[in-house]
Amino acid sequence: MMETYIAILRGINVSGQKLIKMAALKAAFEEKGFRDVMTYIQSGNIIFRAEDKKEDALSLKVSKLIMNGFGFEVPVIIRNSSSLAGIIRSNPFLNEKGILADKFHVTFLSEAPETKRRQELEKLSFGNERFVILGREIYLYCPNGYGNTKLSNNFFENKLKVTATTRNWATVNKLAELSSGV
C-alpha cells in the first residue's frame, strides 16, 4: 500500500552550499520510483508516495539518492503525512495567550533523544525563548526570531546527539496541507 511521506533535508541551498535545484531533486525521486513527487521551497522539503516502508529505510534510500545524484551527503528526516498532522495538533504553544504563531518552529529529530540527555537540556533556561521536546520533535518559540536564537540545529545536535533540522511553523503547516492532498 502506498503512503505519503515528507523528506526534510538538512543544510541544502544554504549560503551557496550543497546546491540542489528542486526540479532536479524531483526528477531524481521519480527516477527511483517514488510517486506523486512535489517539492516545497528551496530548503529541501519533498512530498512523495512510496510503498509502506519504515521511515529509517526511506531516509537511507533518499540519502543515497542524493549522494549518488548530487555528490554530497545530506541528513534526511522522514515523517509520514499522518504523523505530520499529529505534530501540528501537539504543539504545546498553540493555545497560549500572548505569543505569536509566526515565532513557532519545529525541530525534527532523527530519533527520540535519550531520556537523560533530554532531561539535562530541559533544565536549561534561555530567557524568553522556550522549547518543548515531545518524542522526535522539539517545539520552539523564538520571539526574537530563529536567526537570533541559540536553539539552533547544531545546538540540539550537540546536546542530544541526534540529527536535527528545523522548519518554521508556516512551512510545517504547508507541508501537512500538501501531503494530505497527495
C-alpha atoms as a PDB file:
ATOM      1  CA  MET A   1       0.000   0.000   0.000  1.00  0.00           C
ATOM      2  CA  MET A   2       1.259   3.461  -0.889  1.00  0.00           C
ATOM      3  CA  GLU A   3       1.700   6.019   1.854  1.00  0.00           C
ATOM      4  CA  THR A   4       2.543   9.726   1.687  1.00  0.00           C
ATOM      5  CA  TYR A   5       5.833  10.847   3.213  1.00  0.00           C
ATOM      6  CA  ILE A   6       7.718  14.077   3.669  1.00  0.00           C
ATOM      7  CA  ALA A   7      11.516  14.103   3.365  1.00  0.00           C
ATOM      8  CA  ILE A   8      13.021  17.019   5.270  1.00  0.00           C
ATOM      9  CA  LEU A   9      16.599  17.686   4.204  1.00  0.00           C
ATOM     10  CA  ARG A  10      19.135  19.452   6.394  1.00  0.00           C
ATOM     11  CA  GLY A  11      21.539  22.029   5.098  1.00  0.00           C
ATOM     12  CA  ILE A  12      20.894  22.252   1.376  1.00  0.00           C
ATOM     13  CA  ASN A  13      20.845  25.522  -0.574  1.00  0.00           C
ATOM     14  CA  VAL A  14      22.191  27.450   2.427  1.00  0.00           C
ATOM     15  CA  SER A  15      24.884  30.094   1.871  1.00  0.00           C
ATOM     16  CA  GLY A  16      25.729  28.680  -1.535  1.00  0.00           C
ATOM     17  CA  GLN A  17      26.480  25.230  -0.109  1.00  0.00           C
ATOM     18  CA  LYS A  18      25.107  21.851  -1.205  1.00  0.00           C
ATOM     19  CA  LEU A  19      23.092  23.343  -4.030  1.00  0.00           C
ATOM     20  CA  ILE A  20      20.243  21.279  -5.429  1.00  0.00           C
ATOM     21  CA  LYS A  21      17.665  22.545  -7.885  1.00  0.00           C
ATOM     22  CA  MET A  22      14.246  21.358  -6.804  1.00  0.00           C
ATOM     23  CA  ALA A  23      13.348  20.260 -10.345  1.00  0.00           C
ATOM     24  CA  ALA A  24      16.433  18.013 -10.413  1.00  0.00           C
ATOM     25  CA  LEU A  25      15.614  16.627  -6.973  1.00  0.00           C
ATOM     26  CA  LYS A  26      12.038  15.900  -8.036  1.00  0.00           C
ATOM     27  CA  ALA A  27      13.306  14.109 -11.163  1.00  0.00           C
ATOM     28  CA  ALA A  28      15.769  12.043  -9.085  1.00  0.00           C
ATOM     29  CA  PHE A  29      12.938  10.942  -6.772  1.00  0.00           C
ATOM     30  CA  GLU A  30      10.773   9.981  -9.736  1.00  0.00           C
ATOM     31  CA  GLU A  31      13.638   8.011 -11.307  1.00  0.00           C
ATOM     32  CA  LYS A  32      13.888   5.982  -8.080  1.00  0.00           C
ATOM     33  CA  GLY A  33      10.231   5.023  -8.348  1.00  0.00           C
ATOM     34  CA  PHE A  34       8.681   7.423  -5.863  1.00  0.00           C
ATOM     35  CA  ARG A  35       5.255   8.643  -6.922  1.00  0.00           C
ATOM     36  CA  ASP A  36       3.379  11.950  -6.834  1.00  0.00           C
ATOM     37  CA  VAL A  37       6.599  13.804  -6.031  1.00  0.00           C
ATOM     38  CA  MET A  38       6.454  17.507  -5.248  1.00  0.00           C
ATOM     39  CA  THR A  39       8.888  19.884  -3.607  1.00  0.00           C
ATOM     40  CA  TYR A  40       8.168  22.860  -1.419  1.00  0.00           C
ATOM     41  CA  ILE A  41      10.565  25.817  -1.269  1.00  0.00           C
ATOM     42  CA  GLN A  42      14.315  25.577  -1.771  1.00  0.00           C
ATOM     43  CA  SER A  43      15.240  24.390   1.743  1.00  0.00           C
ATOM     44  CA  GLY A  44      14.649  20.755   0.876  1.00  0.00           C
ATOM     45  CA  ASN A  45      11.115  19.568   1.552  1.00  0.00           C
ATOM     46  CA  ILE A  46       9.910  16.733  -0.650  1.00  0.00           C
ATOM     47  CA  ILE A  47       6.478  15.177  -0.523  1.00  0.00           C
ATOM     48  CA  PHE A  48       6.135  11.784  -2.163  1.00  0.00           C
ATOM     49  CA  ARG A  49       4.312   8.492  -2.113  1.00  0.00           C
ATOM     50  CA  ALA A  50       6.050   5.182  -1.590  1.00  0.00           C
ATOM     51  CA  GLU A  51       5.226   1.630  -0.698  1.00  0.00           C
ATOM     52  CA  ASP A  52       4.652   1.322   3.016  1.00  0.00           C
ATOM     53  CA  LYS A  53       8.189   1.272   4.447  1.00  0.00           C
ATOM     54  CA  LYS A  54       9.940   2.187   7.629  1.00  0.00           C
ATOM     55  CA  GLU A  55      10.978   5.839   7.824  1.00  0.00           C
ATOM     56  CA  ASP A  56      14.596   4.861   8.604  1.00  0.00           C
ATOM     57  CA  ALA A  57      14.809   2.773   5.412  1.00  0.00           C
ATOM     58  CA  LEU A  58      13.330   5.612   3.345  1.00  0.00           C
ATOM     59  CA  SER A  59      15.735   8.089   4.928  1.00  0.00           C
ATOM     60  CA  LEU A  60      18.689   5.902   3.951  1.00  0.00           C
ATOM     61  CA  LYS A  61      17.339   5.459   0.417  1.00  0.00           C
ATOM     62  CA  VAL A  62      16.894   9.230  -0.012  1.00  0.00           C
ATOM     63  CA  SER A  63      20.368   9.929   1.427  1.00  0.00           C
ATOM     64  CA  LYS A  64      21.899   7.514  -1.091  1.00  0.00           C
ATOM     65  CA  LEU A  65      19.848   9.053  -3.894  1.00  0.00           C
ATOM     66  CA  ILE A  66      21.280  12.494  -3.043  1.00  0.00           C
ATOM     67  CA  MET A  67      24.837  11.214  -2.660  1.00  0.00           C
ATOM     68  CA  ASN A  68      24.714   9.354  -5.979  1.00  0.00           C
ATOM     69  CA  GLY A  69      22.856  12.072  -7.884  1.00  0.00           C
ATOM     70  CA  PHE A  70      24.352  15.242  -6.428  1.00  0.00           C
ATOM     71  CA  GLY A  71      27.673  14.164  -4.904  1.00  0.00           C
ATOM     72  CA  PHE A  72      27.289  15.107  -1.258  1.00  0.00           C
ATOM     73  CA  GLU A  73      25.888  13.799   1.983  1.00  0.00           C
ATOM     74  CA  VAL A  74      22.729  15.335   3.388  1.00  0.00           C
ATOM     75  CA  PRO A  75      20.936  14.326   6.582  1.00  0.00           C
ATOM     76  CA  VAL A  76      17.365  13.294   5.740  1.00  0.00           C
ATOM     77  CA  ILE A  77      14.500  13.059   8.200  1.00  0.00           C
ATOM     78  CA  ILE A  78      11.285  11.374   7.102  1.00  0.00           C
ATOM     79  CA  ARG A  79       7.796  11.745   8.521  1.00  0.00           C
ATOM     80  CA  ASN A  80       4.572  10.382   7.106  1.00  0.00           C
ATOM     81  CA  SER A  81       1.582  12.591   6.416  1.00  0.00           C
ATOM     82  CA  SER A  82      -0.461  11.441   9.407  1.00  0.00           C
ATOM     83  CA  SER A  83       2.424  11.947  11.858  1.00  0.00           C
ATOM     84  CA  LEU A  84       2.931  15.467  10.496  1.00  0.00           C
ATOM     85  CA  ALA A  85      -0.731  16.238  11.174  1.00  0.00           C
ATOM     86  CA  GLY A  86      -0.243  14.929  14.723  1.00  0.00           C
ATOM     87  CA  ILE A  87       2.838  17.105  15.169  1.00  0.00           C
ATOM     88  CA  ILE A  88       0.742  20.165  14.360  1.00  0.00           C
ATOM     89  CA  ARG A  89      -2.023  19.172  16.758  1.00  0.00           C
ATOM     90  CA  SER A  90       0.524  18.516  19.537  1.00  0.00           C
ATOM     91  CA  ASN A  91       2.149  21.960  19.504  1.00  0.00           C
ATOM     92  CA  PRO A  92       2.125  22.895  23.210  1.00  0.00           C
ATOM     93  CA  PHE A  93       2.290  26.629  22.431  1.00  0.00           C
ATOM     94  CA  LEU A  94      -0.847  26.795  20.265  1.00  0.00           C
ATOM     95  CA  ASN A  95      -3.323  27.746  22.984  1.00  0.00           C
ATOM     96  CA  GLU A  96      -1.113  30.102  24.965  1.00  0.00           C
ATOM     97  CA  LYS A  97      -2.154  33.717  25.008  1.00  0.00           C
ATOM     98  CA  GLY A  98       0.244  36.491  24.132  1.00  0.00           C
ATOM     99  CA  ILE A  99       2.572  34.539  21.872  1.00  0.00           C
ATOM    100  CA  LEU A 100       2.818  34.817  18.108  1.00  0.00           C
ATOM    101  CA  ALA A 101       2.429  31.803  15.816  1.00  0.00           C
ATOM    102  CA  ASP A 102       4.938  33.264  13.350  1.00  0.00           C
ATOM    103  CA  LYS A 103       7.605  32.746  16.032  1.00  0.00           C
ATOM    104  CA  PHE A 104       6.915  28.987  16.258  1.00  0.00           C
ATOM    105  CA  HIS A 105       9.319  26.447  14.781  1.00  0.00           C
ATOM    106  CA  VAL A 106       9.572  22.688  14.840  1.00  0.00           C
ATOM    107  CA  THR A 107      12.921  20.934  15.035  1.00  0.00           C
ATOM    108  CA  PHE A 108      12.609  17.441  13.616  1.00  0.00           C
ATOM    109  CA  LEU A 109      14.907  14.844  15.171  1.00  0.00           C
ATOM    110  CA  SER A 110      16.156  11.668  13.533  1.00  0.00           C
ATOM    111  CA  GLU A 111      15.138   9.763  16.664  1.00  0.00           C
ATOM    112  CA  ALA A 112      13.840  10.437  20.141  1.00  0.00           C
ATOM    113  CA  PRO A 113      16.721  11.601  22.328  1.00  0.00           C
ATOM    114  CA  GLU A 114      17.950   9.611  25.308  1.00  0.00           C
ATOM    115  CA  THR A 115      15.934  10.477  28.411  1.00  0.00           C
ATOM    116  CA  LYS A 116      18.978  11.614  30.387  1.00  0.00           C
ATOM    117  CA  ARG A 117      20.147  13.987  27.643  1.00  0.00           C
ATOM    118  CA  ARG A 118      16.620  15.380  27.223  1.00  0.00           C
ATOM    119  CA  GLN A 119      16.225  15.953  30.969  1.00  0.00           C
ATOM    120  CA  GLU A 120      19.596  17.723  31.209  1.00  0.00           C
ATOM    121  CA  LEU A 121      18.666  20.028  28.347  1.00  0.00           C
ATOM    122  CA  GLU A 122      15.229  20.780  29.794  1.00  0.00           C
ATOM    123  CA  LYS A 123      16.883  22.146  32.963  1.00  0.00           C
ATOM    124  CA  LEU A 124      18.490  25.000  30.994  1.00  0.00           C
ATOM    125  CA  SER A 125      16.875  28.406  30.598  1.00  0.00           C
ATOM    126  CA  PHE A 126      17.079  30.657  27.549  1.00  0.00           C
ATOM    127  CA  GLY A 127      15.273  33.790  28.652  1.00  0.00           C
ATOM    128  CA  ASN A 128      12.088  34.370  26.701  1.00  0.00           C
ATOM    129  CA  GLU A 129      12.954  31.598  24.217  1.00  0.00           C
ATOM    130  CA  ARG A 130      11.259  28.332  25.001  1.00  0.00           C
ATOM    131  CA  PHE A 131      11.261  24.768  23.774  1.00  0.00           C
ATOM    132  CA  VAL A 132       9.387  21.566  24.498  1.00  0.00           C
ATOM    133  CA  ILE A 133      10.650  18.150  23.447  1.00  0.00           C
ATOM    134  CA  LEU A 134       7.900  15.675  22.569  1.00  0.00           C
ATOM    135  CA  GLY A 135       9.123  12.401  21.092  1.00  0.00           C
ATOM    136  CA  ARG A 136      11.079  13.133  17.913  1.00  0.00           C
ATOM    137  CA  GLU A 137      10.142  16.813  17.711  1.00  0.00           C
ATOM    138  CA  ILE A 138      11.188  19.952  19.511  1.00  0.00           C
ATOM    139  CA  TYR A 139       8.666  22.765  19.527  1.00  0.00           C
ATOM    140  CA  LEU A 140      10.379  26.141  19.635  1.00  0.00           C
ATOM    141  CA  TYR A 141       9.138  29.571  20.472  1.00  0.00           C
ATOM    142  CA  CYS A 142      11.686  32.196  19.417  1.00  0.00           C
ATOM    143  CA  PRO A 143      10.155  35.654  19.967  1.00  0.00           C
ATOM    144  CA  ASN A 144      13.335  37.384  18.736  1.00  0.00           C
ATOM    145  CA  GLY A 145      13.412  35.281  15.555  1.00  0.00           C
ATOM    146  CA  TYR A 146      15.030  31.970  14.718  1.00  0.00           C
ATOM    147  CA  GLY A 147      18.039  33.698  13.179  1.00  0.00           C
ATOM    148  CA  ASN A 148      18.881  35.166  16.601  1.00  0.00           C
ATOM    149  CA  THR A 149      18.383  32.090  18.769  1.00  0.00           C
ATOM    150  CA  LYS A 150      20.950  29.820  20.380  1.00  0.00           C
ATOM    151  CA  LEU A 151      18.420  26.996  19.951  1.00  0.00           C
ATOM    152  CA  SER A 152      19.754  26.012  16.525  1.00  0.00           C
ATOM    153  CA  ASN A 153      20.098  22.636  14.843  1.00  0.00           C
ATOM    154  CA  ASN A 154      23.758  22.483  15.869  1.00  0.00           C
ATOM    155  CA  PHE A 155      22.881  23.272  19.488  1.00  0.00           C
ATOM    156  CA  PHE A 156      20.308  20.490  19.715  1.00  0.00           C
ATOM    157  CA  GLU A 157      22.522  18.025  17.856  1.00  0.00           C
ATOM    158  CA  ASN A 158      25.398  18.684  20.252  1.00  0.00           C
ATOM    159  CA  LYS A 159      23.225  18.396  23.370  1.00  0.00           C
ATOM    160  CA  LEU A 160      21.013  15.473  22.293  1.00  0.00           C
ATOM    161  CA  LYS A 161      23.398  13.556  19.976  1.00  0.00           C
ATOM    162  CA  VAL A 162      20.784  13.143  17.233  1.00  0.00           C
ATOM    163  CA  THR A 163      20.383  14.739  13.797  1.00  0.00           C
ATOM    164  CA  ALA A 164      18.109  17.789  13.743  1.00  0.00           C
ATOM    165  CA  THR A 165      16.577  20.086  11.151  1.00  0.00           C
ATOM    166  CA  THR A 166      14.168  22.947  11.756  1.00  0.00           C
ATOM    167  CA  ARG A 167      11.236  24.385   9.831  1.00  0.00           C
ATOM    168  CA  ASN A 168       9.136  27.412  10.654  1.00  0.00           C
ATOM    169  CA  TRP A 169       5.511  26.932  11.625  1.00  0.00           C
ATOM    170  CA  ALA A 170       4.154  28.167   8.291  1.00  0.00           C
ATOM    171  CA  THR A 171       6.288  25.616   6.414  1.00  0.00           C
ATOM    172  CA  VAL A 172       5.235  22.782   8.732  1.00  0.00           C
ATOM    173  CA  ASN A 173       1.583  23.639   8.150  1.00  0.00           C
ATOM    174  CA  LYS A 174       2.049  23.948   4.393  1.00  0.00           C
ATOM    175  CA  LEU A 175       3.808  20.549   4.239  1.00  0.00           C
ATOM    176  CA  ALA A 176       0.912  18.995   6.159  1.00  0.00           C
ATOM    177  CA  GLU A 177      -1.606  20.628   3.807  1.00  0.00           C
ATOM    178  CA  LEU A 178       0.254  19.500   0.678  1.00  0.00           C
ATOM    179  CA  SER A 179       0.852  15.977   1.942  1.00  0.00           C
ATOM    180  CA  SER A 180      -2.773  15.483   2.941  1.00  0.00           C
ATOM    181  CA  GLY A 181      -3.835  16.183  -0.639  1.00  0.00           C
ATOM    182  CA  VAL A 182      -1.469  13.682  -2.290  1.00  0.00           C
END
